[in-house]
Every structure is written in structure tokens, then in C-alpha cells.
C-alpha atoms as a PDB file:
ATOM      1  CA  UNK A   1       0.000   0.000   0.000  1.00  0.00           C
ATOM      2  CA  UNK A   2       2.755   2.465   0.963  1.00  0.00           C
ATOM      3  CA  UNK A   3       4.761   1.713  -2.178  1.00  0.00           C
ATOM      4  CA  UNK A   4       1.659   2.266  -4.311  1.00  0.00           C
ATOM      5  CA  UNK A   5       1.032   5.614  -2.558  1.00  0.00           C
ATOM      6  CA  UNK A   6       4.604   6.741  -3.146  1.00  0.00           C
ATOM      7  CA  UNK A   7       4.529   5.677  -6.788  1.00  0.00           C
ATOM      8  CA  UNK A   8       1.178   7.401  -7.312  1.00  0.00           C
ATOM      9  CA  UNK A   9       2.337  10.610  -5.647  1.00  0.00           C
ATOM     10  CA  UNK A  10       5.615  10.613  -7.570  1.00  0.00           C
ATOM     11  CA  UNK A  11       3.649  10.102 -10.770  1.00  0.00           C
ATOM     12  CA  UNK A  12       1.418  13.031  -9.846  1.00  0.00           C
ATOM     13  CA  UNK A  13       4.479  15.257  -9.405  1.00  0.00           C
ATOM     14  CA  UNK A  14       5.767  14.135 -12.791  1.00  0.00           C
ATOM     15  CA  UNK A  15       2.378  14.761 -14.428  1.00  0.00           C
ATOM     16  CA  UNK A  16       2.319  18.277 -12.994  1.00  0.00           C
ATOM     17  CA  UNK A  17       5.685  18.935 -14.627  1.00  0.00           C
ATOM     18  CA  UNK A  18       4.491  17.477 -17.939  1.00  0.00           C
ATOM     19  CA  UNK A  19       1.336  19.617 -17.827  1.00  0.00           C
ATOM     20  CA  UNK A  20       3.359  22.732 -17.080  1.00  0.00           C
ATOM     21  CA  UNK A  21       5.670  22.050 -20.007  1.00  0.00           C
ATOM     22  CA  UNK A  22       2.749  21.282 -22.301  1.00  0.00           C
ATOM     23  CA  UNK A  23       1.427  24.764 -21.547  1.00  0.00           C
ATOM     24  CA  UNK A  24       4.914  26.148 -22.282  1.00  0.00           C
ATOM     25  CA  UNK A  25       5.331  27.492 -18.759  1.00  0.00           C
ATOM     26  CA  UNK A  26       8.921  28.576 -18.469  1.00  0.00           C
ATOM     27  CA  UNK A  27      10.032  31.038 -15.826  1.00  0.00           C
ATOM     28  CA  UNK A  28      13.642  32.080 -15.572  1.00  0.00           C
ATOM     29  CA  UNK A  29      14.912  31.926 -12.001  1.00  0.00           C
ATOM     30  CA  UNK A  30      12.416  29.241 -10.981  1.00  0.00           C
ATOM     31  CA  UNK A  31      13.423  25.573 -10.737  1.00  0.00           C
ATOM     32  CA  UNK A  32      11.877  22.443  -9.242  1.00  0.00           C
ATOM     33  CA  UNK A  33      13.583  19.714  -7.214  1.00  0.00           C
ATOM     34  CA  UNK A  34      11.620  16.534  -6.536  1.00  0.00           C
ATOM     35  CA  UNK A  35      12.836  13.994  -3.988  1.00  0.00           C
ATOM     36  CA  UNK A  36      11.300  10.541  -3.676  1.00  0.00           C
ATOM     37  CA  UNK A  37      12.459   8.271  -0.839  1.00  0.00           C
ATOM     38  CA  UNK A  38      11.308   4.656  -1.024  1.00  0.00           C
ATOM     39  CA  UNK A  39      13.039   1.814   0.763  1.00  0.00           C
ATOM     40  CA  UNK A  40      16.793   2.245   0.289  1.00  0.00           C
ATOM     41  CA  UNK A  41      16.286   4.222  -2.918  1.00  0.00           C
ATOM     42  CA  UNK A  42      16.324   8.003  -3.063  1.00  0.00           C
ATOM     43  CA  UNK A  43      15.660   9.732  -6.372  1.00  0.00           C
ATOM     44  CA  UNK A  44      16.148  13.429  -7.102  1.00  0.00           C
ATOM     45  CA  UNK A  45      14.883  15.217 -10.208  1.00  0.00           C
ATOM     46  CA  UNK A  46      15.941  18.784 -10.977  1.00  0.00           C
ATOM     47  CA  UNK A  47      14.057  20.750 -13.636  1.00  0.00           C
ATOM     48  CA  UNK A  48      15.624  24.151 -14.351  1.00  0.00           C
ATOM     49  CA  UNK A  49      15.687  26.722 -17.151  1.00  0.00           C
ATOM     50  CA  UNK A  50      18.948  26.490 -19.074  1.00  0.00           C
ATOM     51  CA  UNK A  51      19.246  30.275 -18.700  1.00  0.00           C
ATOM     52  CA  UNK A  52      19.678  29.835 -14.934  1.00  0.00           C
ATOM     53  CA  UNK A  53      22.355  27.166 -15.260  1.00  0.00           C
ATOM     54  CA  UNK A  54      24.417  28.316 -18.256  1.00  0.00           C
ATOM     55  CA  UNK A  55      23.241  31.873 -18.963  1.00  0.00           C
ATOM     56  CA  UNK A  56      21.704  31.265 -22.396  1.00  0.00           C
ATOM     57  CA  UNK A  57      19.189  29.046 -24.184  1.00  0.00           C
ATOM     58  CA  UNK A  58      20.648  28.738 -27.655  1.00  0.00           C
ATOM     59  CA  UNK A  59      23.524  26.868 -29.234  1.00  0.00           C
ATOM     60  CA  UNK A  60      26.837  27.731 -27.619  1.00  0.00           C
ATOM     61  CA  UNK A  61      28.677  30.055 -29.967  1.00  0.00           C
ATOM     62  CA  UNK A  62      31.667  31.289 -27.994  1.00  0.00           C
ATOM     63  CA  UNK A  63      34.416  29.728 -25.910  1.00  0.00           C
ATOM     64  CA  UNK A  64      32.837  31.422 -22.880  1.00  0.00           C
ATOM     65  CA  UNK A  65      29.482  29.727 -23.557  1.00  0.00           C
ATOM     66  CA  UNK A  66      31.135  26.323 -24.037  1.00  0.00           C
ATOM     67  CA  UNK A  67      32.941  26.873 -20.723  1.00  0.00           C
ATOM     68  CA  UNK A  68      29.590  27.710 -19.057  1.00  0.00           C
ATOM     69  CA  UNK A  69      28.184  24.363 -20.210  1.00  0.00           C
ATOM     70  CA  UNK A  70      31.207  22.486 -18.877  1.00  0.00           C
ATOM     71  CA  UNK A  71      31.002  24.350 -15.570  1.00  0.00           C
ATOM     72  CA  UNK A  72      27.289  23.556 -15.153  1.00  0.00           C
ATOM     73  CA  UNK A  73      27.878  19.891 -15.955  1.00  0.00           C
ATOM     74  CA  UNK A  74      30.625  19.722 -13.314  1.00  0.00           C
ATOM     75  CA  UNK A  75      28.467  21.401 -10.644  1.00  0.00           C
ATOM     76  CA  UNK A  76      25.467  19.186 -11.417  1.00  0.00           C
ATOM     77  CA  UNK A  77      27.665  16.064 -11.292  1.00  0.00           C
ATOM     78  CA  UNK A  78      28.050  16.492  -7.506  1.00  0.00           C
ATOM     79  CA  UNK A  79      24.471  16.201  -6.226  1.00  0.00           C
ATOM     80  CA  UNK A  80      25.506  15.307  -2.667  1.00  0.00           C
ATOM     81  CA  UNK A  81      27.389  18.600  -2.391  1.00  0.00           C
ATOM     82  CA  UNK A  82      24.956  20.637  -4.461  1.00  0.00           C
ATOM     83  CA  UNK A  83      21.855  19.609  -2.524  1.00  0.00           C
ATOM     84  CA  UNK A  84      23.419  18.840   0.857  1.00  0.00           C
ATOM     85  CA  UNK A  85      21.991  15.375   1.401  1.00  0.00           C
ATOM     86  CA  UNK A  86      22.913  14.399   4.992  1.00  0.00           C
ATOM     87  CA  UNK A  87      26.102  12.307   5.214  1.00  0.00           C
ATOM     88  CA  UNK A  88      24.527  10.080   7.869  1.00  0.00           C
ATOM     89  CA  UNK A  89      22.160   8.771   5.171  1.00  0.00           C
ATOM     90  CA  UNK A  90      25.127   6.963   3.585  1.00  0.00           C
ATOM     91  CA  UNK A  91      23.880   7.622   0.054  1.00  0.00           C
ATOM     92  CA  UNK A  92      25.826   6.387  -2.950  1.00  0.00           C
ATOM     93  CA  UNK A  93      25.064   7.820  -6.371  1.00  0.00           C
ATOM     94  CA  UNK A  94      24.155   4.941  -8.689  1.00  0.00           C
ATOM     95  CA  UNK A  95      23.026   6.774 -11.826  1.00  0.00           C
ATOM     96  CA  UNK A  96      22.739  10.300 -13.255  1.00  0.00           C
ATOM     97  CA  UNK A  97      20.798  11.214 -16.368  1.00  0.00           C
ATOM     98  CA  UNK A  98      20.918  14.618 -18.055  1.00  0.00           C
ATOM     99  CA  UNK A  99      18.175  15.764 -20.417  1.00  0.00           C
ATOM    100  CA  UNK A 100      18.215  18.961 -22.442  1.00  0.00           C
ATOM    101  CA  UNK A 101      21.103  21.186 -23.512  1.00  0.00           C
ATOM    102  CA  UNK A 102      23.631  19.546 -21.165  1.00  0.00           C
ATOM    103  CA  UNK A 103      22.950  15.977 -22.307  1.00  0.00           C
ATOM    104  CA  UNK A 104      23.573  15.778 -26.036  1.00  0.00           C
ATOM    105  CA  UNK A 105      25.966  17.233 -28.550  1.00  0.00           C
ATOM    106  CA  UNK A 106      24.926  20.897 -28.779  1.00  0.00           C
ATOM    107  CA  UNK A 107      24.355  20.755 -32.549  1.00  0.00           C
ATOM    108  CA  UNK A 108      21.709  18.028 -32.093  1.00  0.00           C
ATOM    109  CA  UNK A 109      19.893  19.853 -29.279  1.00  0.00           C
ATOM    110  CA  UNK A 110      19.654  23.052 -31.291  1.00  0.00           C
ATOM    111  CA  UNK A 111      18.596  21.195 -34.453  1.00  0.00           C
ATOM    112  CA  UNK A 112      15.867  19.331 -32.550  1.00  0.00           C
ATOM    113  CA  UNK A 113      14.700  22.546 -30.916  1.00  0.00           C
ATOM    114  CA  UNK A 114      14.514  24.374 -34.259  1.00  0.00           C
ATOM    115  CA  UNK A 115      12.581  21.470 -35.812  1.00  0.00           C
ATOM    116  CA  UNK A 116       9.992  21.714 -33.031  1.00  0.00           C
ATOM    117  CA  UNK A 117       9.732  25.501 -33.084  1.00  0.00           C
ATOM    118  CA  UNK A 118      10.273  26.646 -36.659  1.00  0.00           C
ATOM    119  CA  UNK A 119       7.936  29.613 -36.126  1.00  0.00           C
ATOM    120  CA  UNK A 120       9.963  31.024 -33.191  1.00  0.00           C
ATOM    121  CA  UNK A 121      12.883  33.340 -33.584  1.00  0.00           C
ATOM    122  CA  UNK A 122      16.202  32.945 -31.754  1.00  0.00           C
ATOM    123  CA  UNK A 123      15.272  35.447 -29.032  1.00  0.00           C
ATOM    124  CA  UNK A 124      12.109  33.634 -27.868  1.00  0.00           C
ATOM    125  CA  UNK A 125      13.392  30.061 -27.617  1.00  0.00           C
ATOM    126  CA  UNK A 126      13.374  28.342 -24.246  1.00  0.00           C
ATOM    127  CA  UNK A 127      15.281  25.307 -23.064  1.00  0.00           C
ATOM    128  CA  UNK A 128      15.062  23.368 -19.817  1.00  0.00           C
ATOM    129  CA  UNK A 129      17.628  21.113 -18.210  1.00  0.00           C
ATOM    130  CA  UNK A 130      16.394  18.028 -16.386  1.00  0.00           C
ATOM    131  CA  UNK A 131      18.777  16.001 -14.259  1.00  0.00           C
ATOM    132  CA  UNK A 132      17.737  12.800 -12.499  1.00  0.00           C
ATOM    133  CA  UNK A 133      19.856  11.242  -9.768  1.00  0.00           C
ATOM    134  CA  UNK A 134      19.358   7.746  -8.346  1.00  0.00           C
ATOM    135  CA  UNK A 135      20.918   6.881  -4.990  1.00  0.00           C
ATOM    136  CA  UNK A 136      21.100   3.798  -2.824  1.00  0.00           C
ATOM    137  CA  UNK A 137      21.259   4.828   0.826  1.00  0.00           C
ATOM    138  CA  UNK A 138      22.402   2.764   3.815  1.00  0.00           C
ATOM    139  CA  UNK A 139      20.197   4.866   6.118  1.00  0.00           C
ATOM    140  CA  UNK A 140      17.515   6.446   3.895  1.00  0.00           C
ATOM    141  CA  UNK A 141      15.450   7.506   6.932  1.00  0.00           C
ATOM    142  CA  UNK A 142      18.180  10.133   7.533  1.00  0.00           C
ATOM    143  CA  UNK A 143      17.214  11.896   4.301  1.00  0.00           C
ATOM    144  CA  UNK A 144      15.009  14.360   6.168  1.00  0.00           C
ATOM    145  CA  UNK A 145      16.645  17.654   5.252  1.00  0.00           C
ATOM    146  CA  UNK A 146      18.300  19.492   2.435  1.00  0.00           C
ATOM    147  CA  UNK A 147      20.976  22.175   2.808  1.00  0.00           C
ATOM    148  CA  UNK A 148      21.223  23.390  -0.752  1.00  0.00           C
ATOM    149  CA  UNK A 149      24.248  25.029  -2.337  1.00  0.00           C
ATOM    150  CA  UNK A 150      22.199  25.380  -5.559  1.00  0.00           C
ATOM    151  CA  UNK A 151      21.847  29.162  -5.257  1.00  0.00           C
ATOM    152  CA  UNK A 152      25.559  29.655  -4.607  1.00  0.00           C
ATOM    153  CA  UNK A 153      26.411  27.463  -7.602  1.00  0.00           C
ATOM    154  CA  UNK A 154      23.867  29.078  -9.942  1.00  0.00           C
ATOM    155  CA  UNK A 155      23.525  32.777  -9.124  1.00  0.00           C
ATOM    156  CA  UNK A 156      20.652  33.353 -11.589  1.00  0.00           C
ATOM    157  CA  UNK A 157      18.414  30.937  -9.670  1.00  0.00           C
ATOM    158  CA  UNK A 158      15.873  32.804  -7.502  1.00  0.00           C
ATOM    159  CA  UNK A 159      13.709  29.953  -6.231  1.00  0.00           C
ATOM    160  CA  UNK A 160      13.714  26.184  -5.959  1.00  0.00           C
ATOM    161  CA  UNK A 161      10.329  24.528  -5.509  1.00  0.00           C
ATOM    162  CA  UNK A 162      11.123  21.510  -3.337  1.00  0.00           C
ATOM    163  CA  UNK A 163       8.666  18.596  -3.493  1.00  0.00           C
ATOM    164  CA  UNK A 164       9.335  15.551  -1.308  1.00  0.00           C
ATOM    165  CA  UNK A 165       7.542  12.183  -1.156  1.00  0.00           C
ATOM    166  CA  UNK A 166       8.480   9.589   1.475  1.00  0.00           C
ATOM    167  CA  UNK A 167       6.868   6.647   3.204  1.00  0.00           C
ATOM    168  CA  UNK A 168       5.757   9.164   5.855  1.00  0.00           C
ATOM    169  CA  UNK A 169       3.954  11.561   3.511  1.00  0.00           C
ATOM    170  CA  UNK A 170       4.497  14.562   1.292  1.00  0.00           C
ATOM    171  CA  UNK A 171       6.252  17.878   1.833  1.00  0.00           C
ATOM    172  CA  UNK A 172       6.614  21.002  -0.253  1.00  0.00           C
ATOM    173  CA  UNK A 173       8.575  24.200   0.355  1.00  0.00           C
ATOM    174  CA  UNK A 174       9.856  27.080  -1.702  1.00  0.00           C
ATOM    175  CA  UNK A 175      13.590  27.548  -1.184  1.00  0.00           C
ATOM    176  CA  UNK A 176      15.328  30.849  -1.931  1.00  0.00           C
ATOM    177  CA  UNK A 177      18.865  32.215  -1.646  1.00  0.00           C
ATOM    178  CA  UNK A 178      17.861  33.649   1.764  1.00  0.00           C
ATOM    179  CA  UNK A 179      16.347  30.303   2.852  1.00  0.00           C
ATOM    180  CA  UNK A 180      18.190  27.464   1.037  1.00  0.00           C
ATOM    181  CA  UNK A 181      17.409  24.707   3.574  1.00  0.00           C
ATOM    182  CA  UNK A 182      14.398  22.576   4.452  1.00  0.00           C
ATOM    183  CA  UNK A 183      13.532  19.755   6.847  1.00  0.00           C
ATOM    184  CA  UNK A 184      10.790  17.123   6.706  1.00  0.00           C
ATOM    185  CA  UNK A 185       9.961  13.733   8.209  1.00  0.00           C
END
């Protein structure tokens, strides 16, 4: 019963994201972090505007823009440090998956984006980055707080909508640079 509740709630979070994207809701400065804790597995999903992570939403054209992509990839490749998952949880990162401008060769991302939005000009294009992290944790019950370094790493980020689902229930909080931490049960 509990597993079904967690799966259903996680699916509801995912459907909300799909519905938002279907309506082309895209707000610079606003990202979402979903955390699902089930058994020894902890999954994080970050959905953020590319503008907030790399400073642009088009094909990288300069050495500076290519360096911004590399820098974002490096920062996002350390989720334990970036999101401050408690050490006492004993979490080991098993898998990371990038979607969007940081996941494929840039030429392919831009070509796909242009194919989908032929009627948009370069100035109105939007791109999101989605990163999913899968952890196995020795003490998953210790994953009850987040001390995020996200705002320090990505200065254009203004808010992080945190959504958490565990065996004990659901939790949601809006994190900001002034309040980058949260606790739940």
C-alpha cells in the first residue's frame, strides 16, 4: 500500500511537470527539485531553465558559452554537495541522467529545438535542463533535510520549488537564496 502511494504521488508530481511544459510554462529563475524516498532508494529530479544554469538558451557560440556548459555539468555532477543530502544517510550515487542542452551534442539539441519551433525566432526560444539522480542509501530515513548550495552554484536561480515524497507523507517548500534549507519527516 505504501509503495503504491509513493509511486502514485511521484507520478502526480511528474504529471504536474508534464502539464506545465505542455502549456509552455517557463520562468527564468524558478526551478523544481523533486525527492522521492522509497526503501533504500532516493531519487532526485531537478528541472531548471537552461538560462539559470548556463546563462543562455541557444547553441553555444563562444568559448565562454562552451565553458559555461562544462562548468554547469561539473556542478550538477556532484548532487551530494549541491543539494546537501545528509552524510549520515550513507547515500551512494548509482546513476545520473541529463536531459536537455547539457545531455547531447549541442548541434543536435539546437537542431531538434529548431525542428519543433520553426515559427519562433532565436530570441524567444526556451530550453530546460532536467537532471535525475538515483541513490542507494544505507540509512535512507536520515534523508530528512536538504541544505542546498544550488543558489551559490547558480547565481541566476531565484527559487527552488522543493517537493518531497516519502513513506511518511508529502512535503513542499519554496527555497530561496535567503532560505536554502528545508527539513521534513
